[in-house]
């Protein structure tokens, strides 16, 4: 089953939880369906697209494909 683990650099609740879950699932992921996204947001900030701090920012020259794009 595809799994997306999301962590935020400024997560005041639990930064290491999603990383640990990813690490544990990765050991058994023979289909390569385990993914980890870590970005510049706080706890749950990635899901609140209407807040001012959630506006698009460029942290590198180009992103090959948005995370929401179908694989």
N, C-alpha and C. Protein backbone atom coordinates (compact mmCIF):
# COMPACT_ATOMS: atom_id res chain seq x y z
N UNK A 1 0.84 -1.17 0.00
CA UNK A 1 0.00 0.00 0.00
C UNK A 1 0.89 1.24 0.00
N UNK A 2 0.69 2.16 -0.93
CA UNK A 2 1.49 3.39 -0.95
C UNK A 2 1.32 4.18 0.34
N UNK A 3 2.44 4.66 0.86
CA UNK A 3 2.43 5.42 2.11
C UNK A 3 3.24 6.69 1.93
N UNK A 4 2.65 7.84 2.30
CA UNK A 4 3.34 9.12 2.26
C UNK A 4 3.51 9.61 3.69
N UNK A 5 4.74 9.72 4.14
CA UNK A 5 5.06 10.24 5.47
C UNK A 5 5.50 11.69 5.30
N UNK A 6 4.91 12.60 6.06
CA UNK A 6 5.19 14.03 5.92
C UNK A 6 5.72 14.56 7.24
N UNK A 7 6.85 15.28 7.17
CA UNK A 7 7.44 15.91 8.35
C UNK A 7 7.75 17.36 8.01
N UNK A 8 7.73 18.21 9.02
CA UNK A 8 8.05 19.63 8.83
C UNK A 8 9.30 19.99 9.61
N UNK A 9 10.15 20.81 9.00
CA UNK A 9 11.39 21.21 9.67
C UNK A 9 11.12 21.89 11.00
N UNK A 10 10.00 22.61 11.10
CA UNK A 10 9.68 23.34 12.33
C UNK A 10 8.49 22.71 13.05
N UNK A 11 8.39 21.40 13.01
CA UNK A 11 7.29 20.70 13.67
C UNK A 11 7.51 20.71 15.18
N UNK A 12 6.72 21.48 15.88
CA UNK A 12 6.86 21.60 17.33
C UNK A 12 6.28 20.40 18.07
N UNK A 13 5.54 19.55 17.38
CA UNK A 13 4.92 18.39 18.01
C UNK A 13 5.80 17.15 17.93
N UNK A 14 6.21 16.77 16.71
CA UNK A 14 6.95 15.51 16.56
C UNK A 14 7.65 15.46 15.20
N UNK A 15 8.87 15.95 15.14
CA UNK A 15 9.62 15.91 13.88
C UNK A 15 10.09 14.49 13.56
N UNK A 16 10.49 13.73 14.56
CA UNK A 16 11.11 12.43 14.32
C UNK A 16 10.12 11.28 14.09
N UNK A 17 8.86 11.44 14.44
CA UNK A 17 7.87 10.38 14.25
C UNK A 17 7.73 9.94 12.80
N UNK A 18 7.44 10.86 11.87
CA UNK A 18 7.30 10.47 10.47
C UNK A 18 8.59 9.87 9.89
N UNK A 19 9.73 10.37 10.33
CA UNK A 19 11.00 9.85 9.84
C UNK A 19 11.22 8.42 10.33
N UNK A 20 10.88 8.16 11.58
CA UNK A 20 11.02 6.81 12.14
C UNK A 20 10.05 5.84 11.46
N UNK A 21 8.81 6.27 11.24
CA UNK A 21 7.84 5.43 10.55
C UNK A 21 8.35 5.09 9.15
N UNK A 22 8.85 6.10 8.44
CA UNK A 22 9.40 5.87 7.10
C UNK A 22 10.55 4.86 7.17
N UNK A 23 11.45 5.05 8.11
CA UNK A 23 12.60 4.16 8.26
C UNK A 23 12.17 2.71 8.50
N UNK A 24 11.20 2.51 9.37
CA UNK A 24 10.74 1.15 9.68
C UNK A 24 10.00 0.51 8.49
N UNK A 25 9.16 1.29 7.81
CA UNK A 25 8.44 0.74 6.66
C UNK A 25 9.38 0.47 5.47
N UNK A 26 10.40 1.29 5.34
CA UNK A 26 11.33 1.16 4.21
C UNK A 26 12.03 -0.20 4.19
N UNK A 27 12.27 -0.77 5.35
CA UNK A 27 12.93 -2.07 5.45
C UNK A 27 12.13 -3.18 4.77
N UNK A 28 10.81 -3.01 4.67
CA UNK A 28 9.93 -4.04 4.13
C UNK A 28 9.26 -3.61 2.83
N UNK A 29 9.68 -2.50 2.26
CA UNK A 29 9.02 -1.93 1.08
C UNK A 29 9.60 -2.51 -0.21
N UNK A 30 9.17 -3.69 -0.58
CA UNK A 30 9.69 -4.34 -1.79
C UNK A 30 9.11 -3.75 -3.07
N UNK A 31 7.97 -3.06 -2.96
CA UNK A 31 7.34 -2.46 -4.15
C UNK A 31 7.72 -0.98 -4.34
N UNK A 32 8.53 -0.45 -3.45
CA UNK A 32 8.96 0.96 -3.51
C UNK A 32 7.77 1.92 -3.48
N UNK A 33 6.90 1.70 -2.48
CA UNK A 33 5.70 2.54 -2.33
C UNK A 33 5.72 3.34 -1.03
N UNK A 34 6.86 3.45 -0.41
CA UNK A 34 7.01 4.19 0.84
C UNK A 34 7.74 5.49 0.52
N UNK A 35 7.13 6.63 0.89
CA UNK A 35 7.70 7.93 0.52
C UNK A 35 7.79 8.83 1.75
N UNK A 36 8.76 9.74 1.72
CA UNK A 36 8.96 10.70 2.80
C UNK A 36 9.12 12.09 2.19
N UNK A 37 8.35 13.04 2.72
CA UNK A 37 8.46 14.43 2.31
C UNK A 37 8.74 15.24 3.57
N UNK A 38 9.81 16.03 3.55
CA UNK A 38 10.14 16.92 4.66
C UNK A 38 10.26 18.32 4.07
N UNK A 39 9.54 19.27 4.66
CA UNK A 39 9.54 20.60 4.09
C UNK A 39 9.48 21.70 5.12
N UNK A 40 9.44 22.94 4.64
CA UNK A 40 9.51 24.12 5.51
C UNK A 40 8.16 24.52 6.11
N UNK A 41 7.63 23.68 6.99
CA UNK A 41 6.35 23.99 7.63
C UNK A 41 6.37 23.49 9.06
N UNK A 42 5.38 23.90 9.84
CA UNK A 42 5.27 23.44 11.22
C UNK A 42 4.28 22.27 11.27
N UNK A 43 3.87 21.88 12.46
CA UNK A 43 2.99 20.72 12.63
C UNK A 43 1.66 20.93 11.90
N UNK A 44 1.43 20.16 10.85
CA UNK A 44 0.20 20.27 10.08
C UNK A 44 0.18 21.43 9.10
N UNK A 45 1.21 22.23 9.07
CA UNK A 45 1.25 23.41 8.20
C UNK A 45 1.19 23.08 6.73
N UNK A 46 1.63 21.91 6.34
CA UNK A 46 1.60 21.50 4.93
C UNK A 46 0.17 21.30 4.44
N UNK A 47 -0.78 21.06 5.35
CA UNK A 47 -2.15 20.77 4.92
C UNK A 47 -3.04 22.01 4.93
N UNK A 48 -2.55 23.11 5.44
CA UNK A 48 -3.36 24.33 5.52
C UNK A 48 -2.93 25.31 4.44
N UNK A 49 -3.40 25.07 3.23
CA UNK A 49 -2.99 25.88 2.10
C UNK A 49 -3.50 27.31 2.10
N UNK A 50 -4.37 27.66 3.04
CA UNK A 50 -4.93 29.02 3.04
C UNK A 50 -4.15 29.97 3.96
N UNK A 51 -3.24 29.47 4.74
CA UNK A 51 -2.50 30.33 5.66
C UNK A 51 -1.37 31.05 4.92
N UNK A 52 -1.04 32.27 5.36
CA UNK A 52 0.00 33.05 4.67
C UNK A 52 1.34 32.33 4.57
N UNK A 53 1.73 31.58 5.58
CA UNK A 53 3.04 30.93 5.55
C UNK A 53 3.07 29.73 4.61
N UNK A 54 1.93 29.35 4.04
CA UNK A 54 1.87 28.19 3.16
C UNK A 54 2.00 28.58 1.69
N UNK A 55 2.33 29.84 1.42
CA UNK A 55 2.46 30.26 0.02
C UNK A 55 3.68 29.58 -0.62
N UNK A 56 3.66 29.43 -1.92
CA UNK A 56 4.78 28.77 -2.62
C UNK A 56 6.10 29.50 -2.41
N UNK A 57 7.16 28.75 -2.21
CA UNK A 57 8.50 29.30 -2.07
C UNK A 57 9.45 28.45 -2.89
N UNK A 58 10.49 29.06 -3.40
CA UNK A 58 11.49 28.31 -4.17
C UNK A 58 12.73 28.11 -3.30
N UNK A 59 13.04 26.85 -3.02
CA UNK A 59 14.21 26.51 -2.23
C UNK A 59 15.30 25.88 -3.08
N UNK A 60 15.01 25.64 -4.34
CA UNK A 60 15.99 25.14 -5.30
C UNK A 60 15.55 25.61 -6.68
N UNK A 61 16.41 25.55 -7.68
CA UNK A 61 16.08 26.12 -8.99
C UNK A 61 14.80 25.58 -9.63
N UNK A 62 14.58 24.28 -9.56
CA UNK A 62 13.40 23.72 -10.22
C UNK A 62 13.01 22.40 -9.56
N UNK A 63 11.73 22.13 -9.54
CA UNK A 63 11.22 20.87 -9.01
C UNK A 63 10.75 20.07 -10.22
N UNK A 64 11.25 18.84 -10.39
CA UNK A 64 10.90 18.06 -11.58
C UNK A 64 9.41 17.81 -11.75
N UNK A 65 8.70 17.55 -10.64
CA UNK A 65 7.28 17.24 -10.74
C UNK A 65 6.64 17.53 -9.39
N UNK A 66 5.50 18.20 -9.36
CA UNK A 66 4.83 18.47 -8.08
C UNK A 66 4.48 17.17 -7.35
N UNK A 67 4.45 17.24 -6.03
CA UNK A 67 4.15 16.05 -5.22
C UNK A 67 2.75 15.53 -5.50
N UNK A 68 1.85 16.39 -5.95
CA UNK A 68 0.47 15.96 -6.20
C UNK A 68 0.31 15.32 -7.58
N UNK A 69 1.36 15.34 -8.40
CA UNK A 69 1.26 14.75 -9.74
C UNK A 69 1.17 13.24 -9.66
N UNK A 70 0.40 12.67 -10.56
CA UNK A 70 0.28 11.21 -10.61
C UNK A 70 1.59 10.60 -11.07
N UNK A 71 1.92 9.47 -10.51
CA UNK A 71 3.17 8.80 -10.88
C UNK A 71 2.98 7.89 -12.07
